[in-house]
Amino acid sequence: MAGEHASASAMIGHNDVAAFAAVKILDLHDEFTLDEFMNDVGSEGEEFGAGSPIAALQHVLKLNSVAKEPMQKHQVLAHVIKAFNAWMAGEQVKKISLRVDETFPRFMPKQAEAA
């Protein structure tokens, strides 16, 4: 993460959170999926369009980087997970957020391929 996806790590704001997310994505998917997601997360200035989970995640992370009381690491991770899951599912989102009463999200596993 520190080398190949340094811009994504910088956007996430915590190298250990970014590395954990990368390991989980690799465990559940493949290197291509990891590269595509992290390249998108780390690409500032690129227009992803309305409803993009990447744009929503970048927005939250940018606000967090200048917040008086930034999110704790587990909260940042939860945002990354929610954005990844929406990105994998091809879902359109207005924003990525966490509710207090919400169960902690889990990375979406790879969908079973048709036989």
N, C-alpha and C. Protein backbone atom coordinates (compact mmCIF):
# COMPACT_ATOMS: atom_id res chain seq x y z
N MET A 1 0.83 -1.19 0.00
CA MET A 1 0.00 0.00 0.00
C MET A 1 0.87 1.26 0.00
N ALA A 2 1.92 1.24 0.78
CA ALA A 2 2.74 2.44 0.91
C ALA A 2 3.38 2.84 -0.41
N GLY A 3 3.68 1.88 -1.26
CA GLY A 3 4.32 2.19 -2.53
C GLY A 3 3.34 2.33 -3.67
N GLU A 4 2.71 1.22 -4.01
CA GLU A 4 1.86 1.18 -5.19
C GLU A 4 0.57 1.99 -5.05
N HIS A 5 0.05 2.06 -3.85
CA HIS A 5 -1.21 2.77 -3.63
C HIS A 5 -1.04 3.87 -2.58
N ALA A 6 0.08 4.56 -2.66
CA ALA A 6 0.38 5.61 -1.68
C ALA A 6 -0.67 6.72 -1.69
N SER A 7 -1.19 7.05 -2.87
CA SER A 7 -2.19 8.13 -2.93
C SER A 7 -3.50 7.70 -2.25
N ALA A 8 -3.86 6.42 -2.36
CA ALA A 8 -5.06 5.93 -1.66
C ALA A 8 -4.82 5.93 -0.16
N SER A 9 -3.63 5.51 0.27
CA SER A 9 -3.30 5.53 1.70
C SER A 9 -3.36 6.95 2.24
N ALA A 10 -2.85 7.89 1.46
CA ALA A 10 -2.89 9.29 1.88
C ALA A 10 -4.33 9.80 1.96
N MET A 11 -5.16 9.41 1.01
CA MET A 11 -6.56 9.83 1.02
C MET A 11 -7.28 9.23 2.23
N ILE A 12 -7.02 7.97 2.53
CA ILE A 12 -7.65 7.31 3.68
C ILE A 12 -7.16 7.92 4.99
N GLY A 13 -5.90 8.33 5.01
CA GLY A 13 -5.38 9.06 6.15
C GLY A 13 -4.71 8.23 7.22
N HIS A 14 -4.80 6.92 7.12
CA HIS A 14 -4.19 6.02 8.09
C HIS A 14 -3.61 4.84 7.31
N ASN A 15 -2.30 4.72 7.33
CA ASN A 15 -1.66 3.63 6.58
C ASN A 15 -2.13 2.25 7.05
N ASP A 16 -2.32 2.10 8.36
CA ASP A 16 -2.75 0.79 8.85
C ASP A 16 -4.18 0.45 8.45
N VAL A 17 -5.04 1.44 8.38
CA VAL A 17 -6.42 1.21 7.92
C VAL A 17 -6.41 0.85 6.44
N ALA A 18 -5.62 1.57 5.66
CA ALA A 18 -5.53 1.28 4.23
C ALA A 18 -4.95 -0.11 3.98
N ALA A 19 -3.93 -0.48 4.75
CA ALA A 19 -3.31 -1.80 4.59
C ALA A 19 -4.28 -2.91 4.99
N PHE A 20 -5.01 -2.71 6.07
CA PHE A 20 -5.99 -3.72 6.49
C PHE A 20 -7.06 -3.89 5.42
N ALA A 21 -7.56 -2.78 4.89
CA ALA A 21 -8.57 -2.86 3.83
C ALA A 21 -8.01 -3.60 2.62
N ALA A 22 -6.77 -3.33 2.27
CA ALA A 22 -6.14 -3.99 1.12
C ALA A 22 -6.04 -5.50 1.34
N VAL A 23 -5.63 -5.90 2.52
CA VAL A 23 -5.51 -7.33 2.82
C VAL A 23 -6.87 -8.01 2.73
N LYS A 24 -7.90 -7.39 3.29
CA LYS A 24 -9.24 -7.98 3.24
C LYS A 24 -9.76 -8.07 1.81
N ILE A 25 -9.51 -7.04 1.01
CA ILE A 25 -9.95 -7.07 -0.39
C ILE A 25 -9.22 -8.19 -1.13
N LEU A 26 -7.92 -8.33 -0.90
CA LEU A 26 -7.16 -9.41 -1.54
C LEU A 26 -7.65 -10.78 -1.09
N ASP A 27 -7.97 -10.92 0.20
CA ASP A 27 -8.49 -12.19 0.71
C ASP A 27 -9.80 -12.59 0.04
N LEU A 28 -10.65 -11.61 -0.19
CA LEU A 28 -11.99 -11.89 -0.69
C LEU A 28 -12.13 -11.78 -2.21
N HIS A 29 -11.20 -11.09 -2.85
CA HIS A 29 -11.32 -10.82 -4.29
C HIS A 29 -10.01 -11.17 -4.98
N ASP A 30 -9.42 -10.21 -5.64
CA ASP A 30 -8.15 -10.44 -6.33
C ASP A 30 -7.39 -9.13 -6.45
N GLU A 31 -6.18 -9.23 -6.96
CA GLU A 31 -5.31 -8.06 -7.06
C GLU A 31 -5.87 -7.01 -8.03
N PHE A 32 -6.52 -7.46 -9.10
CA PHE A 32 -7.11 -6.52 -10.05
C PHE A 32 -8.16 -5.66 -9.36
N THR A 33 -9.03 -6.29 -8.56
CA THR A 33 -10.08 -5.55 -7.85
C THR A 33 -9.46 -4.56 -6.87
N LEU A 34 -8.46 -5.01 -6.13
CA LEU A 34 -7.76 -4.13 -5.19
C LEU A 34 -7.17 -2.93 -5.93
N ASP A 35 -6.43 -3.20 -7.01
CA ASP A 35 -5.79 -2.12 -7.76
C ASP A 35 -6.80 -1.12 -8.29
N GLU A 36 -7.88 -1.62 -8.86
CA GLU A 36 -8.89 -0.73 -9.44
C GLU A 36 -9.53 0.15 -8.35
N PHE A 37 -9.91 -0.47 -7.24
CA PHE A 37 -10.54 0.30 -6.16
C PHE A 37 -9.57 1.33 -5.57
N MET A 38 -8.37 0.90 -5.22
CA MET A 38 -7.42 1.81 -4.59
C MET A 38 -6.95 2.91 -5.55
N ASN A 39 -6.80 2.58 -6.83
CA ASN A 39 -6.44 3.61 -7.80
C ASN A 39 -7.53 4.67 -7.88
N ASP A 40 -8.78 4.23 -7.87
CA ASP A 40 -9.89 5.18 -7.89
C ASP A 40 -9.91 6.03 -6.62
N VAL A 41 -9.76 5.40 -5.46
CA VAL A 41 -9.78 6.13 -4.19
C VAL A 41 -8.68 7.19 -4.17
N GLY A 42 -7.51 6.84 -4.69
CA GLY A 42 -6.37 7.75 -4.64
C GLY A 42 -6.31 8.78 -5.76
N SER A 43 -7.24 8.73 -6.69
CA SER A 43 -7.18 9.66 -7.82
C SER A 43 -7.99 10.90 -7.54
N GLU A 44 -7.30 11.92 -7.08
CA GLU A 44 -7.95 13.20 -6.82
C GLU A 44 -8.14 13.95 -8.13
N GLY A 45 -9.20 14.72 -8.19
CA GLY A 45 -9.44 15.54 -9.36
C GLY A 45 -10.15 14.81 -10.48
N GLU A 46 -10.25 13.50 -10.39
CA GLU A 46 -10.96 12.75 -11.42
C GLU A 46 -12.46 12.84 -11.13
N GLU A 47 -13.23 13.02 -12.16
CA GLU A 47 -14.67 13.13 -12.00
C GLU A 47 -15.30 11.75 -12.11
N PHE A 48 -15.93 11.30 -11.03
CA PHE A 48 -16.56 9.98 -11.02
C PHE A 48 -18.04 10.05 -11.29
N GLY A 49 -18.61 11.22 -11.25
CA GLY A 49 -20.02 11.39 -11.55
C GLY A 49 -20.90 11.29 -10.31
N ALA A 50 -22.11 11.78 -10.48
CA ALA A 50 -23.07 11.78 -9.38
C ALA A 50 -23.39 10.34 -8.98
N GLY A 51 -23.44 10.12 -7.68
CA GLY A 51 -23.79 8.80 -7.17
C GLY A 51 -22.63 7.85 -7.02
N SER A 52 -21.42 8.29 -7.36
CA SER A 52 -20.26 7.42 -7.27
C SER A 52 -19.86 7.17 -5.82
N PRO A 53 -19.74 5.89 -5.42
CA PRO A 53 -19.27 5.60 -4.07
C PRO A 53 -17.85 6.12 -3.82
N ILE A 54 -17.03 6.14 -4.87
CA ILE A 54 -15.66 6.66 -4.73
C ILE A 54 -15.69 8.15 -4.41
N ALA A 55 -16.50 8.90 -5.16
CA ALA A 55 -16.62 10.34 -4.92
C ALA A 55 -17.17 10.61 -3.52
N ALA A 56 -18.15 9.81 -3.11
CA ALA A 56 -18.72 9.98 -1.77
C ALA A 56 -17.69 9.70 -0.69
N LEU A 57 -16.89 8.64 -0.87
CA LEU A 57 -15.84 8.31 0.09
C LEU A 57 -14.78 9.41 0.13
N GLN A 58 -14.35 9.86 -1.03
CA GLN A 58 -13.35 10.93 -1.07
C GLN A 58 -13.86 12.18 -0.35
N HIS A 59 -15.12 12.50 -0.53
CA HIS A 59 -15.71 13.67 0.12
C HIS A 59 -15.64 13.53 1.64
N VAL A 60 -16.05 12.38 2.15
CA VAL A 60 -16.03 12.14 3.60
C VAL A 60 -14.59 12.21 4.13
N LEU A 61 -13.66 11.59 3.41
CA LEU A 61 -12.27 11.56 3.87
C LEU A 61 -11.62 12.94 3.83
N LYS A 62 -11.96 13.74 2.84
CA LYS A 62 -11.42 15.11 2.77
C LYS A 62 -11.96 15.96 3.92
N LEU A 63 -13.25 15.83 4.20
CA LEU A 63 -13.82 16.56 5.33
C LEU A 63 -13.18 16.11 6.64
N ASN A 64 -12.96 14.80 6.76
CA ASN A 64 -12.35 14.26 7.97
C ASN A 64 -10.93 14.77 8.18
N SER A 65 -10.20 14.98 7.09
CA SER A 65 -8.81 15.41 7.20
C SER A 65 -8.66 16.82 7.78
N VAL A 66 -9.72 17.61 7.73
CA VAL A 66 -9.66 18.97 8.27
C VAL A 66 -10.62 19.17 9.44
N ALA A 67 -11.24 18.09 9.91
CA ALA A 67 -12.22 18.18 10.99
C ALA A 67 -11.54 18.49 12.32
N LYS A 68 -12.25 19.24 13.17
CA LYS A 68 -11.76 19.52 14.52
C LYS A 68 -11.61 18.23 15.31
N GLU A 69 -12.58 17.35 15.17
CA GLU A 69 -12.56 16.05 15.83
C GLU A 69 -12.68 14.97 14.75
N PRO A 70 -11.54 14.55 14.21
CA PRO A 70 -11.60 13.54 13.14
C PRO A 70 -12.13 12.21 13.64
N MET A 71 -12.61 11.43 12.68
CA MET A 71 -13.12 10.10 13.01
C MET A 71 -12.00 9.23 13.57
N GLN A 72 -12.40 8.26 14.37
CA GLN A 72 -11.45 7.27 14.85
C GLN A 72 -11.18 6.30 13.70
N LYS A 73 -10.10 5.55 13.82
CA LYS A 73 -9.68 4.65 12.75
C LYS A 73 -10.76 3.66 12.36
N HIS A 74 -11.45 3.09 13.32
CA HIS A 74 -12.48 2.12 12.99
C HIS A 74 -13.63 2.76 12.20
N GLN A 75 -13.88 4.02 12.44
CA GLN A 75 -14.92 4.73 11.70
C GLN A 75 -14.48 4.98 10.25
N VAL A 76 -13.22 5.32 10.08
CA VAL A 76 -12.68 5.49 8.73
C VAL A 76 -12.77 4.17 7.97
N LEU A 77 -12.37 3.08 8.63
CA LEU A 77 -12.45 1.76 8.02
C LEU A 77 -13.88 1.43 7.61
N ALA A 78 -14.84 1.71 8.45
CA ALA A 78 -16.24 1.43 8.13
C ALA A 78 -16.68 2.19 6.88
N HIS A 79 -16.24 3.43 6.74
CA HIS A 79 -16.56 4.20 5.54
C HIS A 79 -15.94 3.57 4.30
N VAL A 80 -14.70 3.13 4.42
CA VAL A 80 -14.02 2.48 3.30
C VAL A 80 -14.77 1.20 2.91
N ILE A 81 -15.16 0.41 3.89
CA ILE A 81 -15.89 -0.83 3.63
C ILE A 81 -17.22 -0.54 2.92
N LYS A 82 -17.95 0.43 3.43
CA LYS A 82 -19.25 0.75 2.83
C LYS A 82 -19.09 1.24 1.39
N ALA A 83 -18.06 2.05 1.14
CA ALA A 83 -17.81 2.52 -0.21
C ALA A 83 -17.40 1.37 -1.12
N PHE A 84 -16.54 0.49 -0.64
CA PHE A 84 -16.11 -0.67 -1.43
C PHE A 84 -17.31 -1.53 -1.80
N ASN A 85 -18.16 -1.82 -0.82
CA ASN A 85 -19.32 -2.67 -1.08
C ASN A 85 -20.26 -2.04 -2.12
N ALA A 86 -20.50 -0.74 -1.99
CA ALA A 86 -21.35 -0.05 -2.96
C ALA A 86 -20.70 -0.06 -4.34
N TRP A 87 -19.38 0.14 -4.37
CA TRP A 87 -18.62 0.13 -5.63
C TRP A 87 -18.70 -1.24 -6.29
N MET A 88 -18.52 -2.29 -5.51
CA MET A 88 -18.59 -3.66 -6.04
C MET A 88 -20.00 -3.98 -6.57
N ALA A 89 -21.01 -3.51 -5.88
CA ALA A 89 -22.39 -3.79 -6.26
C ALA A 89 -22.88 -2.88 -7.38
N GLY A 90 -22.08 -1.87 -7.74
CA GLY A 90 -22.49 -0.93 -8.77
C GLY A 90 -23.61 -0.02 -8.32
N GLU A 91 -23.70 0.19 -7.02
CA GLU A 91 -24.76 1.03 -6.45
C GLU A 91 -24.41 2.51 -6.57
N GLN A 92 -25.43 3.31 -6.75
CA GLN A 92 -25.30 4.75 -6.72
C GLN A 92 -25.59 5.21 -5.29
N VAL A 93 -24.77 6.07 -4.75
CA VAL A 93 -24.98 6.58 -3.40
C VAL A 93 -24.86 8.09 -3.39
N LYS A 94 -25.61 8.72 -2.51
CA LYS A 94 -25.50 10.17 -2.36
C LYS A 94 -24.36 10.51 -1.42
N LYS A 95 -24.25 9.70 -0.35
CA LYS A 95 -23.17 9.90 0.61
C LYS A 95 -22.90 8.59 1.34
N ILE A 96 -21.72 8.52 1.92
CA ILE A 96 -21.32 7.37 2.74
C ILE A 96 -21.39 7.86 4.18
N SER A 97 -22.18 7.18 4.99
CA SER A 97 -22.30 7.59 6.39
C SER A 97 -22.53 6.38 7.27
N LEU A 98 -22.35 6.58 8.56
CA LEU A 98 -22.55 5.54 9.56
C LEU A 98 -23.59 6.01 10.56
N ARG A 99 -24.45 5.09 10.93
CA ARG A 99 -25.41 5.38 12.00
C ARG A 99 -24.88 4.76 13.29
N VAL A 100 -25.22 5.35 14.38
CA VAL A 100 -24.75 4.87 15.68
C VAL A 100 -25.26 3.46 15.96
N ASP A 101 -26.49 3.17 15.55
CA ASP A 101 -27.11 1.88 15.85
C ASP A 101 -26.84 0.82 14.77
N GLU A 102 -26.00 1.13 13.83
CA GLU A 102 -25.73 0.25 12.70
C GLU A 102 -24.67 -0.81 13.05
N THR A 103 -24.86 -2.02 12.56
CA THR A 103 -23.87 -3.07 12.73
C THR A 103 -22.64 -2.70 11.90
N PHE A 104 -21.45 -3.00 12.44
CA PHE A 104 -20.22 -2.67 11.72
C PHE A 104 -20.22 -3.41 10.38
N PRO A 105 -19.94 -2.70 9.29
CA PRO A 105 -19.99 -3.34 7.97
C PRO A 105 -18.87 -4.36 7.76
N ARG A 106 -19.11 -5.29 6.85
CA ARG A 106 -18.12 -6.29 6.46
C ARG A 106 -17.90 -6.16 4.97
N PHE A 107 -16.68 -6.47 4.53
CA PHE A 107 -16.40 -6.43 3.11
C PHE A 107 -17.25 -7.46 2.37
N MET A 108 -17.81 -7.05 1.27
CA MET A 108 -18.62 -7.93 0.43
C MET A 108 -17.73 -9.03 -0.18
N PRO A 109 -18.12 -10.27 -0.02
CA PRO A 109 -17.32 -11.35 -0.63
C PRO A 109 -17.53 -11.39 -2.14
N LYS A 110 -16.64 -12.06 -2.82
CA LYS A 110 -16.74 -12.23 -4.26
C LYS A 110 -17.99 -13.05 -4.55
N GLN A 111 -18.75 -12.61 -5.52
CA GLN A 111 -19.96 -13.33 -5.90
C GLN A 111 -19.60 -14.64 -6.57
N ALA A 112 -20.33 -15.67 -6.28
CA ALA A 112 -20.08 -16.98 -6.89
C ALA A 112 -20.29 -16.86 -8.40
N GLU A 113 -19.36 -17.42 -9.13
CA GLU A 113 -19.46 -17.36 -10.58
C GLU A 113 -20.46 -18.40 -11.07
N ALA A 114 -21.13 -18.07 -12.14
CA ALA A 114 -22.14 -18.98 -12.70
C ALA A 114 -21.47 -20.27 -13.16
N ALA A 115 -22.13 -21.39 -12.90
CA ALA A 115 -21.57 -22.69 -13.26
C ALA A 115 -21.76 -23.01 -14.71
